[in-house]
C-alpha atoms as a PDB file:
ATOM      1  CA  MET A   1     -44.774 -54.153  -1.973  1.00  0.00           C
ATOM      2  CA  LEU A   2     -44.391 -55.588   1.526  1.00  0.00           C
ATOM      3  CA  SER A   3     -48.156 -56.204   1.756  1.00  0.00           C
ATOM      4  CA  THR A   4     -47.918 -58.186  -1.511  1.00  0.00           C
ATOM      5  CA  TYR A   5     -45.150 -60.309  -0.025  1.00  0.00           C
ATOM      6  CA  ASN A   6     -47.186 -60.940   3.119  1.00  0.00           C
ATOM      7  CA  ALA A   7     -50.207 -62.036   1.045  1.00  0.00           C
ATOM      8  CA  PHE A   8     -48.260 -64.917  -0.475  1.00  0.00           C
ATOM      9  CA  TRP A   9     -45.599 -65.532   2.171  1.00  0.00           C
ATOM     10  CA  PRO A  10     -46.935 -64.404   5.575  1.00  0.00           C
ATOM     11  CA  ARG A  11     -43.640 -65.138   7.331  1.00  0.00           C
ATOM     12  CA  VAL A  12     -41.456 -63.133   4.928  1.00  0.00           C
ATOM     13  CA  ILE A  13     -39.322 -60.365   6.448  1.00  0.00           C
ATOM     14  CA  ARG A  14     -37.620 -57.753   4.313  1.00  0.00           C
ATOM     15  CA  VAL A  15     -33.860 -57.713   4.954  1.00  0.00           C
ATOM     16  CA  GLY A  16     -31.611 -54.734   4.208  1.00  0.00           C
ATOM     17  CA  LEU A  17     -27.934 -53.986   4.757  1.00  0.00           C
ATOM     18  CA  GLU A  18     -28.711 -52.805   8.278  1.00  0.00           C
ATOM     19  CA  GLY A  19     -30.258 -54.984  10.937  1.00  0.00           C
ATOM     20  CA  ASP A  20     -29.618 -58.248  12.748  1.00  0.00           C
ATOM     21  CA  TRP A  21     -31.139 -60.567  10.143  1.00  0.00           C
ATOM     22  CA  LEU A  22     -28.371 -59.989   7.624  1.00  0.00           C
ATOM     23  CA  ASP A  23     -25.761 -60.708  10.295  1.00  0.00           C
ATOM     24  CA  LYS A  24     -27.601 -63.897  11.273  1.00  0.00           C
ATOM     25  CA  PHE A  25     -27.767 -64.968   7.651  1.00  0.00           C
ATOM     26  CA  GLY A  26     -24.039 -64.305   7.246  1.00  0.00           C
ATOM     27  CA  ALA A  27     -23.282 -66.359  10.342  1.00  0.00           C
ATOM     28  CA  LEU A  28     -25.344 -69.211   8.927  1.00  0.00           C
ATOM     29  CA  ILE A  29     -23.456 -69.212   5.621  1.00  0.00           C
ATOM     30  CA  GLY A  30     -20.067 -68.809   7.286  1.00  0.00           C
ATOM     31  CA  ASP A  31     -17.123 -68.710   4.898  1.00  0.00           C
ATOM     32  CA  ARG A  32     -18.935 -70.463   2.057  1.00  0.00           C
ATOM     33  CA  GLY A  33     -18.974 -68.313  -1.044  1.00  0.00           C
ATOM     34  CA  ARG A  34     -16.237 -65.992   0.206  1.00  0.00           C
ATOM     35  CA  TRP A  35     -13.975 -67.050  -2.646  1.00  0.00           C
ATOM     36  CA  VAL A  36     -15.285 -68.240  -5.984  1.00  0.00           C
ATOM     37  CA  GLU A  37     -13.709 -68.961  -9.340  1.00  0.00           C
ATOM     38  CA  ARG A  38     -15.383 -68.592 -12.707  1.00  0.00           C
ATOM     39  CA  GLN A  39     -14.433 -68.682 -16.366  1.00  0.00           C
ATOM     40  CA  LEU A  40     -15.900 -66.081 -18.665  1.00  0.00           C
ATOM     41  CA  GLY A  41     -16.751 -67.601 -21.998  1.00  0.00           C
ATOM     42  CA  LEU A  42     -17.599 -65.668 -25.138  1.00  0.00           C
ATOM     43  CA  PRO A  43     -20.777 -66.588 -27.009  1.00  0.00           C
ATOM     44  CA  GLU A  44     -18.879 -66.622 -30.282  1.00  0.00           C
ATOM     45  CA  PRO A  45     -15.259 -66.233 -31.393  1.00  0.00           C
ATOM     46  CA  GLN A  46     -14.107 -62.640 -31.175  1.00  0.00           C
ATOM     47  CA  SER A  47     -11.775 -61.232 -33.784  1.00  0.00           C
ATOM     48  CA  ALA A  48      -8.757 -59.231 -32.749  1.00  0.00           C
ATOM     49  CA  PRO A  49      -8.986 -55.455 -33.089  1.00  0.00           C
ATOM     50  CA  GLY A  50      -7.612 -54.193 -36.377  1.00  0.00           C
ATOM     51  CA  ALA A  51      -5.715 -51.156 -35.082  1.00  0.00           C
ATOM     52  CA  PRO A  52      -3.785 -51.942 -31.867  1.00  0.00           C
ATOM     53  CA  GLU A  53      -1.757 -48.719 -32.210  1.00  0.00           C
ATOM     54  CA  ARG A  54      -4.974 -46.713 -32.000  1.00  0.00           C
ATOM     55  CA  ILE A  55      -5.992 -48.663 -28.898  1.00  0.00           C
ATOM     56  CA  LEU A  56      -2.670 -47.792 -27.301  1.00  0.00           C
ATOM     57  CA  GLU A  57      -3.049 -44.132 -28.213  1.00  0.00           C
ATOM     58  CA  HIS A  58      -6.267 -44.016 -26.203  1.00  0.00           C
ATOM     59  CA  ALA A  59      -5.087 -46.259 -23.364  1.00  0.00           C
ATOM     60  CA  LEU A  60      -1.503 -45.133 -22.731  1.00  0.00           C
ATOM     61  CA  LYS A  61       0.055 -41.690 -22.345  1.00  0.00           C
ATOM     62  CA  LEU A  62       3.764 -41.265 -21.521  1.00  0.00           C
ATOM     63  CA  PRO A  63       4.770 -37.585 -21.198  1.00  0.00           C
ATOM     64  CA  ASN A  64       8.454 -38.339 -20.564  1.00  0.00           C
ATOM     65  CA  ALA A  65       8.950 -41.509 -22.650  1.00  0.00           C
ATOM     66  CA  THR A  66       7.981 -43.157 -25.904  1.00  0.00           C
ATOM     67  CA  TRP A  67       6.265 -46.427 -26.690  1.00  0.00           C
ATOM     68  CA  ARG A  68       6.202 -48.766 -29.644  1.00  0.00           C
ATOM     69  CA  PHE A  69       3.718 -51.534 -30.378  1.00  0.00           C
ATOM     70  CA  ARG A  70       5.428 -54.916 -30.634  1.00  0.00           C
ATOM     71  CA  LYS A  71       2.759 -57.585 -30.997  1.00  0.00           C
ATOM     72  CA  MET A  72      -0.712 -58.682 -29.985  1.00  0.00           C
ATOM     73  CA  ALA A  73      -1.874 -62.243 -29.309  1.00  0.00           C
ATOM     74  CA  PRO A  74      -4.869 -63.977 -27.686  1.00  0.00           C
ATOM     75  CA  ALA A  75      -4.371 -64.954 -24.067  1.00  0.00           C
ATOM     76  CA  TRP A  76      -6.156 -65.785 -20.840  1.00  0.00           C
ATOM     77  CA  THR A  77      -5.771 -63.717 -17.701  1.00  0.00           C
ATOM     78  CA  ARG A  78      -6.913 -63.786 -14.083  1.00  0.00           C
ATOM     79  CA  CYS A  79      -9.068 -60.830 -13.002  1.00  0.00           C
ATOM     80  CA  LEU A  80      -9.439 -60.659  -9.237  1.00  0.00           C
ATOM     81  CA  VAL A  81     -12.585 -58.792  -8.163  1.00  0.00           C
ATOM     82  CA  LEU A  82     -12.841 -58.049  -4.434  1.00  0.00           C
ATOM     83  CA  ALA A  83     -15.931 -56.832  -2.577  1.00  0.00           C
ATOM     84  CA  PHE A  84     -15.628 -54.908   0.692  1.00  0.00           C
ATOM     85  CA  ARG A  85     -18.304 -53.756   3.094  1.00  0.00           C
ATOM     86  CA  TYR A  86     -17.695 -50.464   4.869  1.00  0.00           C
ATOM     87  CA  THR A  87     -19.488 -49.090   7.932  1.00  0.00           C
ATOM     88  CA  ALA A  88     -19.118 -45.450   8.997  1.00  0.00           C
ATOM     89  CA  ILE A  89     -20.561 -44.406  12.357  1.00  0.00           C
ATOM     90  CA  SER A  90     -20.768 -40.837  13.634  1.00  0.00           C
ATOM     91  CA  ASP A  91     -23.944 -39.002  14.675  1.00  0.00           C
ATOM     92  CA  GLU A  92     -25.458 -41.102  11.870  1.00  0.00           C
ATOM     93  CA  LYS A  93     -24.555 -44.418  10.252  1.00  0.00           C
ATOM     94  CA  ARG A  94     -23.666 -45.233   6.665  1.00  0.00           C
ATOM     95  CA  GLU A  95     -23.023 -48.685   5.153  1.00  0.00           C
ATOM     96  CA  GLY A  96     -22.238 -49.815   1.653  1.00  0.00           C
ATOM     97  CA  LEU A  97     -20.239 -52.059  -0.665  1.00  0.00           C
ATOM     98  CA  VAL A  98     -17.259 -51.197  -2.841  1.00  0.00           C
ATOM     99  CA  TRP A  99     -15.640 -53.325  -5.548  1.00  0.00           C
ATOM    100  CA  ILE A 100     -11.976 -53.382  -6.555  1.00  0.00           C
ATOM    101  CA  GLY A 101     -10.456 -55.249  -9.482  1.00  0.00           C
ATOM    102  CA  LEU A 102      -6.920 -56.263 -10.462  1.00  0.00           C
ATOM    103  CA  ASN A 103      -5.600 -58.009 -13.552  1.00  0.00           C
ATOM    104  CA  LEU A 104      -3.144 -60.525 -12.133  1.00  0.00           C
ATOM    105  CA  GLY A 105      -1.685 -61.136 -15.585  1.00  0.00           C
ATOM    106  CA  THR A 106      -0.581 -57.562 -16.267  1.00  0.00           C
ATOM    107  CA  GLY A 107      -0.666 -56.035 -12.775  1.00  0.00           C
ATOM    108  CA  ALA A 108      -3.122 -53.334 -13.828  1.00  0.00           C
ATOM    109  CA  ALA A 109      -5.916 -51.942 -11.672  1.00  0.00           C
ATOM    110  CA  LEU A 110      -9.182 -52.451 -13.527  1.00  0.00           C
ATOM    111  CA  GLY A 111     -10.889 -49.277 -12.293  1.00  0.00           C
ATOM    112  CA  ASP A 112     -14.239 -48.722 -14.014  1.00  0.00           C
ATOM    113  CA  LEU A 113     -13.925 -52.049 -15.852  1.00  0.00           C
ATOM    114  CA  VAL A 114     -14.974 -53.800 -12.622  1.00  0.00           C
ATOM    115  CA  LEU A 115     -18.545 -52.557 -12.957  1.00  0.00           C
ATOM    116  CA  ARG A 116     -18.661 -53.631 -16.601  1.00  0.00           C
ATOM    117  CA  LEU A 117     -17.329 -57.086 -15.724  1.00  0.00           C
ATOM    118  CA  ARG A 118     -19.903 -57.534 -12.974  1.00  0.00           C
ATOM    119  CA  THR A 119     -22.686 -56.443 -15.302  1.00  0.00           C
ATOM    120  CA  LEU A 120     -21.460 -58.861 -17.952  1.00  0.00           C
ATOM    121  CA  LEU A 121     -21.360 -61.729 -15.448  1.00  0.00           C
ATOM    122  CA  SER A 122     -24.886 -60.987 -14.252  1.00  0.00           C
ATOM    123  CA  GLU A 123     -26.138 -61.154 -17.840  1.00  0.00           C
ATOM    124  CA  THR A 124     -24.345 -64.430 -18.594  1.00  0.00           C
ATOM    125  CA  ASP A 125     -26.382 -67.602 -18.139  1.00  0.00           C
ATOM    126  CA  GLY A 126     -24.859 -70.467 -16.232  1.00  0.00           C
ATOM    127  CA  TRP A 127     -21.677 -70.804 -14.219  1.00  0.00           C
ATOM    128  CA  GLN A 128     -18.671 -72.107 -16.069  1.00  0.00           C
ATOM    129  CA  ALA A 129     -15.932 -73.601 -13.945  1.00  0.00           C
ATOM    130  CA  PRO A 130     -12.392 -72.835 -15.156  1.00  0.00           C
ATOM    131  CA  GLU A 131     -10.868 -75.371 -17.515  1.00  0.00           C
ATOM    132  CA  PRO A 132      -7.404 -76.719 -16.546  1.00  0.00           C
ATOM    133  CA  ALA A 133      -5.890 -75.498 -19.821  1.00  0.00           C
ATOM    134  CA  CYS A 134      -7.184 -71.962 -19.204  1.00  0.00           C
ATOM    135  CA  LEU A 135      -5.891 -72.008 -15.643  1.00  0.00           C
ATOM    136  CA  GLU A 136      -2.435 -72.921 -16.885  1.00  0.00           C
ATOM    137  CA  ARG A 137      -2.454 -70.264 -19.611  1.00  0.00           C
ATOM    138  CA  ALA A 138      -3.642 -67.583 -17.174  1.00  0.00           C
ATOM    139  CA  GLY A 139      -0.521 -67.973 -15.043  1.00  0.00           C
ATOM    140  CA  PRO A 140      -0.112 -68.199 -11.263  1.00  0.00           C
ATOM    141  CA  ARG A 141      -2.049 -66.319  -8.603  1.00  0.00           C
ATOM    142  CA  TRP A 142      -0.495 -63.538  -6.576  1.00  0.00           C
ATOM    143  CA  SER A 143       0.548 -64.035  -2.998  1.00  0.00           C
ATOM    144  CA  THR A 144      -1.728 -62.684  -0.281  1.00  0.00           C
ATOM    145  CA  ALA A 145       0.892 -60.126   0.725  1.00  0.00           C
ATOM    146  CA  LEU A 146       1.213 -58.793  -2.814  1.00  0.00           C
ATOM    147  CA  VAL A 147      -2.568 -58.519  -3.249  1.00  0.00           C
ATOM    148  CA  ALA A 148      -2.875 -56.723   0.102  1.00  0.00           C
ATOM    149  CA  SER A 149      -0.137 -54.220  -0.771  1.00  0.00           C
ATOM    150  CA  ARG A 150      -1.870 -53.333  -4.051  1.00  0.00           C
ATOM    151  CA  VAL A 151      -5.412 -53.306  -2.701  1.00  0.00           C
ATOM    152  CA  ARG A 152      -4.828 -51.253   0.453  1.00  0.00           C
ATOM    153  CA  PRO A 153      -4.250 -47.800  -1.136  1.00  0.00           C
ATOM    154  CA  ILE A 154      -6.967 -48.356  -3.747  1.00  0.00           C
ATOM    155  CA  LEU A 155      -9.444 -49.436  -1.073  1.00  0.00           C
ATOM    156  CA  ASP A 156      -8.635 -46.392   1.067  1.00  0.00           C
ATOM    157  CA  HIS A 157      -9.202 -44.088  -1.913  1.00  0.00           C
ATOM    158  CA  VAL A 158     -12.453 -45.742  -3.011  1.00  0.00           C
ATOM    159  CA  VAL A 159     -13.953 -45.785   0.499  1.00  0.00           C
ATOM    160  CA  ARG A 160     -13.061 -42.121   0.998  1.00  0.00           C
ATOM    161  CA  GLN A 161     -14.801 -41.307  -2.273  1.00  0.00           C
ATOM    162  CA  GLU A 162     -17.880 -43.254  -1.233  1.00  0.00           C
ATOM    163  CA  LEU A 163     -17.990 -41.503   2.154  1.00  0.00           C
ATOM    164  CA  ALA A 164     -17.311 -37.988   0.825  1.00  0.00           C
ATOM    165  CA  PRO A 165     -21.031 -36.962   0.661  1.00  0.00           C
ATOM    166  CA  PHE A 166     -21.671 -38.504   4.090  1.00  0.00           C
ATOM    167  CA  MET A 167     -18.691 -36.703   5.630  1.00  0.00           C
ATOM    168  CA  GLY A 168     -19.658 -33.444   3.913  1.00  0.00           C
ATOM    169  CA  ALA A 169     -23.171 -33.582   5.388  1.00  0.00           C
ATOM    170  CA  MET A 170     -21.710 -34.519   8.780  1.00  0.00           C
ATOM    171  CA  GLY A 171     -19.358 -31.526   8.603  1.00  0.00           C
ATOM    172  CA  HIS A 172     -22.280 -29.182   7.885  1.00  0.00           C
ATOM    173  CA  ARG A 173     -24.216 -30.534  10.865  1.00  0.00           C
ATOM    174  CA  LEU A 174     -21.161 -30.192  13.098  1.00  0.00           C
ATOM    175  CA  GLU A 175     -20.600 -26.618  11.972  1.00  0.00           C
ATOM    176  CA  ARG A 176     -24.276 -25.788  12.552  1.00  0.00           C
ATOM    177  CA  ASP A 177     -24.261 -27.225  16.087  1.00  0.00           C
ATOM    178  CA  ARG A 178     -20.930 -25.607  16.914  1.00  0.00           C
ATOM    179  CA  ASP A 179     -22.165 -22.194  15.755  1.00  0.00           C
ATOM    180  CA  ARG A 180     -25.340 -22.589  17.817  1.00  0.00           C
ATOM    181  CA  VAL A 181     -23.378 -23.538  20.951  1.00  0.00           C
ATOM    182  CA  HIS A 182     -20.955 -20.660  20.370  1.00  0.00           C
ATOM    183  CA  ALA A 183     -23.727 -18.097  19.836  1.00  0.00           C
ATOM    184  CA  TYR A 184     -25.553 -19.175  23.007  1.00  0.00           C
ATOM    185  CA  HIS A 185     -22.500 -19.094  25.281  1.00  0.00           C
ATOM    186  CA  ASP A 186     -21.077 -15.985  23.650  1.00  0.00           C
ATOM    187  CA  GLU A 187     -24.281 -14.132  24.465  1.00  0.00           C
ATOM    188  CA  LEU A 188     -24.200 -15.318  28.063  1.00  0.00           C
ATOM    189  CA  ARG A 189     -20.550 -14.307  28.394  1.00  0.00           C
ATOM    190  CA  ALA A 190     -21.172 -10.910  26.814  1.00  0.00           C
ATOM    191  CA  LEU A 191     -23.983 -10.193  29.337  1.00  0.00           C
ATOM    192  CA  ALA A 192     -21.747 -11.215  32.240  1.00  0.00           C
ATOM    193  CA  LEU A 193     -18.882  -9.050  30.961  1.00  0.00           C
ATOM    194  CA  LYS A 194     -21.276  -6.142  30.519  1.00  0.00           C
ATOM    195  CA  ARG A 195     -22.424  -6.421  34.134  1.00  0.00           C
ATOM    196  CA  LEU A 196     -18.796  -6.742  35.205  1.00  0.00           C
ATOM    197  CA  ALA A 197     -17.885  -3.561  33.307  1.00  0.00           C
ATOM    198  CA  ALA A 198     -20.732  -1.716  35.020  1.00  0.00           C
ATOM    199  CA  LEU A 199     -19.266  -2.671  38.400  1.00  0.00           C
ATOM    200  CA  GLU A 200     -15.753  -1.504  37.519  1.00  0.00           C
ATOM    201  CA  ASP A 201     -16.002   1.914  39.238  1.00  0.00           C
ATOM    202  CA  ALA A 202     -18.202   0.742  42.117  1.00  0.00           C
ATOM    203  CA  SER A 203     -16.750   0.422  45.603  1.00  0.00           C
ATOM    204  CA  GLY A 204     -17.761  -1.289  48.789  1.00  0.00           C
ATOM    205  CA  GLU A 205     -18.192  -4.852  49.965  1.00  0.00           C
ATOM    206  CA  LYS A 206     -21.367  -5.449  47.954  1.00  0.00           C
ATOM    207  CA  ALA A 207     -19.704  -4.259  44.737  1.00  0.00           C
ATOM    208  CA  GLU A 208     -16.719  -6.493  45.377  1.00  0.00           C
ATOM    209  CA  ALA A 209     -18.997  -9.481  45.998  1.00  0.00           C
ATOM    210  CA  ASP A 210     -20.870  -8.708  42.773  1.00  0.00           C
ATOM    211  CA  ARG A 211     -17.589  -8.564  40.849  1.00  0.00           C
ATOM    212  CA  LEU A 212     -16.483 -11.911  42.258  1.00  0.00           C
ATOM    213  CA  ARG A 213     -19.866 -13.404  41.333  1.00  0.00           C
ATOM    214  CA  GLU A 214     -19.637 -12.134  37.736  1.00  0.00           C
ATOM    215  CA  HIS A 215     -16.035 -13.373  37.382  1.00  0.00           C
ATOM    216  CA  ALA A 216     -17.186 -16.801  38.587  1.00  0.00           C
ATOM    217  CA  ARG A 217     -20.111 -16.675  36.126  1.00  0.00           C
ATOM    218  CA  VAL A 218     -17.760 -15.901  33.201  1.00  0.00           C
ATOM    219  CA  ALA A 219     -15.469 -18.756  34.239  1.00  0.00           C
ATOM    220  CA  ALA A 220     -18.450 -21.138  34.524  1.00  0.00           C
ATOM    221  CA  ILE A 221     -19.738 -20.098  31.094  1.00  0.00           C
ATOM    222  CA  GLU A 222     -16.310 -20.715  29.542  1.00  0.00           C
ATOM    223  CA  THR A 223     -16.012 -24.105  31.277  1.00  0.00           C
ATOM    224  CA  GLU A 224     -19.473 -25.120  30.106  1.00  0.00           C
ATOM    225  CA  TYR A 225     -18.639 -23.958  26.560  1.00  0.00           C
ATOM    226  CA  ARG A 226     -15.511 -26.118  26.450  1.00  0.00           C
ATOM    227  CA  ALA A 227     -17.513 -29.074  27.794  1.00  0.00           C
ATOM    228  CA  LYS A 228     -20.172 -28.611  25.089  1.00  0.00           C
ATOM    229  CA  LEU A 229     -17.454 -28.541  22.429  1.00  0.00           C
ATOM    230  CA  GLY A 230     -16.088 -31.763  23.879  1.00  0.00           C
ATOM    231  CA  ASP A 231     -19.552 -33.303  23.642  1.00  0.00           C
ATOM    232  CA  LEU A 232     -19.747 -32.284  19.995  1.00  0.00           C
ATOM    233  CA  ARG A 233     -16.344 -33.829  19.276  1.00  0.00           C
ATOM    234  CA  HIS A 234     -17.522 -37.055  20.901  1.00  0.00           C
ATOM    235  CA  ASN A 235     -20.892 -37.089  19.126  1.00  0.00           C
ATOM    236  CA  TYR A 236     -19.388 -36.403  15.697  1.00  0.00           C
ATOM    237  CA  ALA A 237     -16.299 -38.601  16.051  1.00  0.00           C
ATOM    238  CA  LEU A 238     -16.098 -40.795  12.945  1.00  0.00           C
ATOM    239  CA  SER A 239     -15.353 -44.507  13.091  1.00  0.00           C
ATOM    240  CA  VAL A 240     -14.925 -46.407   9.811  1.00  0.00           C
ATOM    241  CA  SER A 241     -14.539 -50.175   9.539  1.00  0.00           C
ATOM    242  CA  VAL A 242     -13.950 -52.095   6.304  1.00  0.00           C
ATOM    243  CA  THR A 243     -14.431 -55.850   5.982  1.00  0.00           C
ATOM    244  CA  GLY A 244     -13.724 -58.147   3.060  1.00  0.00           C
ATOM    245  CA  VAL A 245     -16.914 -59.804   1.825  1.00  0.00           C
ATOM    246  CA  GLN A 246     -16.038 -61.804  -1.281  1.00  0.00           C
ATOM    247  CA  ALA A 247     -13.209 -62.553  -3.691  1.00  0.00           C
ATOM    248  CA  LEU A 248     -14.178 -63.479  -7.239  1.00  0.00           C
ATOM    249  CA  GLU A 249     -11.476 -64.749  -9.575  1.00  0.00           C
ATOM    250  CA  ILE A 250     -12.536 -64.560 -13.199  1.00  0.00           C
ATOM    251  CA  LEU A 251     -10.625 -66.186 -16.029  1.00  0.00           C
ATOM    252  CA  VAL A 252     -11.082 -63.819 -18.947  1.00  0.00           C
ATOM    253  CA  PRO A 253     -10.083 -64.198 -22.619  1.00  0.00           C
ATOM    254  CA  VAL A 254      -8.120 -61.141 -23.748  1.00  0.00           C
ATOM    255  CA  GLN A 255      -5.958 -59.827 -26.522  1.00  0.00           C
ATOM    256  CA  ARG A 256      -2.581 -59.158 -24.897  1.00  0.00           C
ATOM    257  CA  ILE A 257      -0.691 -56.231 -26.355  1.00  0.00           C
ATOM    258  CA  GLU A 258       3.061 -56.033 -25.798  1.00  0.00           C
ATOM    259  CA  VAL A 259       4.450 -52.513 -25.715  1.00  0.00           C
ATOM    260  CA  LEU A 260       8.092 -51.475 -25.788  1.00  0.00           C
ATOM    261  CA  ILE A 261       8.723 -48.531 -23.429  1.00  0.00           C
ATOM    262  CA  ARG A 262      11.785 -46.354 -24.088  1.00  0.00           C
ATOM    263  CA  ARG A 263      13.206 -43.733 -21.763  1.00  0.00           C
ATOM    264  CA  ARG A 264      16.579 -42.235 -22.704  1.00  0.00           C
ATOM    265  CA  LYS A 265      18.881 -45.248 -23.248  1.00  0.00           C
ATOM    266  CA  GLY A 266      16.713 -47.744 -21.378  1.00  0.00           C
ATOM    267  CA  GLU A 267      13.820 -49.847 -22.594  1.00  0.00           C
ATOM    268  CA  ARG A 268      11.447 -52.481 -21.241  1.00  0.00           C
ATOM    269  CA  THR A 269       8.416 -54.426 -22.422  1.00  0.00           C
ATOM    270  CA  VAL A 270       5.068 -54.236 -20.618  1.00  0.00           C
ATOM    271  CA  ALA A 271       1.738 -55.898 -21.328  1.00  0.00           C
ATOM    272  CA  LEU A 272      -1.675 -54.298 -21.665  1.00  0.00           C
ATOM    273  CA  ASP A 273      -4.869 -56.328 -22.130  1.00  0.00           C
ATOM    274  CA  TRP A 274      -7.744 -55.526 -24.452  1.00  0.00           C
ATOM    275  CA  HIS A 275     -10.972 -57.243 -23.386  1.00  0.00           C
ATOM    276  CA  PRO A 276     -13.046 -58.542 -26.313  1.00  0.00           C
ATOM    277  CA  ALA A 277     -16.090 -59.089 -24.097  1.00  0.00           C
ATOM    278  CA  LEU A 278     -16.067 -55.405 -23.095  1.00  0.00           C
ATOM    279  CA  ARG A 279     -14.524 -54.014 -26.274  1.00  0.00           C
ATOM    280  CA  LEU A 280     -12.236 -51.953 -24.048  1.00  0.00           C
ATOM    281  CA  ALA A 281      -8.593 -51.762 -23.045  1.00  0.00           C
ATOM    282  CA  GLU A 282      -7.702 -51.755 -19.380  1.00  0.00           C
ATOM    283  CA  PRO A 283      -5.583 -49.003 -17.779  1.00  0.00           C
ATOM    284  CA  PRO A 284      -1.811 -49.453 -18.125  1.00  0.00           C
ATOM    285  CA  LEU A 285       0.394 -50.931 -15.448  1.00  0.00           C
ATOM    286  CA  CYS A 286       1.091 -48.610 -12.506  1.00  0.00           C
ATOM    287  CA  GLU A 287       3.918 -49.504 -10.113  1.00  0.00           C
ATOM    288  CA  TRP A 288       3.297 -46.616  -7.721  1.00  0.00           C
ATOM    289  CA  GLY A 289      -0.069 -44.983  -7.176  1.00  0.00           C
ATOM    290  CA  LEU A 290      -3.663 -46.029  -7.626  1.00  0.00           C
ATOM    291  CA  GLY A 291      -3.359 -46.900 -11.307  1.00  0.00           C
ATOM    292  CA  PHE A 292      -6.445 -45.039 -12.520  1.00  0.00           C
ATOM    293  CA  GLY A 293      -6.310 -43.032 -15.713  1.00  0.00           C
ATOM    294  CA  ARG A 294      -3.928 -43.551 -18.611  1.00  0.00           C
ATOM    295  CA  THR A 295      -1.018 -41.171 -17.889  1.00  0.00           C
ATOM    296  CA  ARG A 296       2.205 -42.645 -16.552  1.00  0.00           C
ATOM    297  CA  LEU A 297       5.693 -41.271 -15.942  1.00  0.00           C
ATOM    298  CA  VAL A 298       8.723 -43.489 -16.530  1.00  0.00           C
ATOM    299  CA  CYS A 299      11.652 -43.339 -14.121  1.00  0.00           C
ATOM    300  CA  ASP A 300      15.259 -43.255 -15.305  1.00  0.00           C
ATOM    301  CA  ALA A 301      16.720 -45.976 -13.112  1.00  0.00           C
ATOM    302  CA  ASN A 302      14.432 -48.972 -13.585  1.00  0.00           C
ATOM    303  CA  LEU A 303      11.838 -47.611 -16.022  1.00  0.00           C
ATOM    304  CA  HIS A 304       9.049 -47.944 -13.463  1.00  0.00           C
ATOM    305  CA  LEU A 305       5.639 -46.700 -14.595  1.00  0.00           C
ATOM    306  CA  THR A 306       4.112 -44.455 -11.929  1.00  0.00           C
ATOM    307  CA  GLU A 307       1.558 -41.741 -11.464  1.00  0.00           C
ATOM    308  CA  ALA A 308       2.869 -38.172 -11.621  1.00  0.00           C
ATOM    309  CA  ALA A 309       3.129 -37.935  -7.823  1.00  0.00           C
ATOM    310  CA  GLY A 310       5.378 -40.993  -7.850  1.00  0.00           C
ATOM    311  CA  GLN A 311       8.187 -38.910  -9.348  1.00  0.00           C
ATOM    312  CA  ALA A 312       7.463 -35.529  -7.807  1.00  0.00           C
ATOM    313  CA  PRO A 313      10.295 -33.390  -6.368  1.00  0.00           C
ATOM    314  CA  CYS A 314      11.379 -34.031  -2.803  1.00  0.00           C
ATOM    315  CA  PRO A 315       9.811 -31.429  -0.456  1.00  0.00           C
ATOM    316  CA  ALA A 316      13.142 -30.981   1.329  1.00  0.00           C
ATOM    317  CA  CYS A 317      15.868 -30.986  -1.361  1.00  0.00           C
ATOM    318  CA  SER A 318      13.734 -30.593  -4.537  1.00  0.00           C
ATOM    319  CA  ALA A 319      15.387 -33.620  -6.157  1.00  0.00           C
ATOM    320  CA  ARG A 320      13.075 -35.761  -8.271  1.00  0.00           C
ATOM    321  CA  TRP A 321      13.004 -39.403  -7.271  1.00  0.00           C
ATOM    322  CA  CYS A 322      10.972 -42.496  -8.073  1.00  0.00           C
ATOM    323  CA  ARG A 323       8.788 -43.769  -5.222  1.00  0.00           C
ATOM    324  CA  ALA A 324       8.706 -47.232  -6.809  1.00  0.00           C
ATOM    325  CA  CYS A 325      12.519 -47.436  -6.633  1.00  0.00           C
ATOM    326  CA  HIS A 326      12.749 -45.835  -3.158  1.00  0.00           C
ATOM    327  CA  PRO A 327       9.367 -46.215  -1.424  1.00  0.00           C
ATOM    328  CA  LEU A 328      10.490 -45.098   2.039  1.00  0.00           C
ATOM    329  CA  SER A 329      12.497 -41.900   1.650  1.00  0.00           C
ATOM    330  CA  CYS A 330      14.352 -39.616  -0.727  1.00  0.00           C
ATOM    331  CA  PRO A 331      17.653 -41.273  -1.721  1.00  0.00           C
ATOM    332  CA  LYS A 332      19.440 -37.915  -1.681  1.00  0.00           C
ATOM    333  CA  CYS A 333      18.455 -36.380   1.669  1.00  0.00           C
ATOM    334  CA  GLY A 334      16.577 -39.207   3.415  1.00  0.00           C
ATOM    335  CA  VAL A 335      13.355 -37.247   4.005  1.00  0.00           C
ATOM    336  CA  PRO A 336      10.235 -39.493   3.763  1.00  0.00           C
END
């Protein structure tokens, strides 16, 4: 393939994620294209789904509460899609891109819908700038602080998932090298201890000198072994850096479903969007946790929707408490 390129364009150089050329190209572009805004139009009018209750049954699961469908209406929403570049350096190097999406209208994490949205955008001809009426209907943007607080735990989780195979292979290499170093020095130490044991009953100045020499050899072997382990720790130390690459704000037409959540004597209304372009419903709102999946627990005090761990018992006093209501510590005993 490269020879074909050179036949037509002799000065062409293939550029990958690694290498100086990509960095030079990024420096040339600067901040242009870091944030872009686009409206997703549908090729033809999409009818609303005929069974919103069935959509909710597949999209929302509340083990400790009940829900009731209230209404569904067409709407516009802002979907914020963020791209991050990660670089992991140890004895080897790994780079890649991860994508995270949030629905700023409902507060939901888009999860796997991000890939579908990106695919849909790549297949759509032209670039449609947002219309003022759609911008107004989509509502305001989030503050930078709010976006950062929501993105940070999701980004940490996604990057760890992406690096899991890399870290697993690194761990196997570390274990292999550690076992080899241990076997080599253990054999040397065993030989020195064997010679030292043979000199245990010997007497005289020569025997004493031999014992001192073998003791020094054992100490030197142990010192060298610890130094080799230190070298391994240094060689396999992992450094991970994550940098924001691009923010894409997409104005998307949706069918907004209002759901009444009831827990004991309390109730609240939340919104969940169904995307006509994808023919899918997004995950429900999650006010503590990553927001993947469809299962949520509802707290008693403020009816927060959280993942199961967000209302787990306190490890110290066993009292259940909502991490969305009290994010820092248990309200009963004060343990974080």
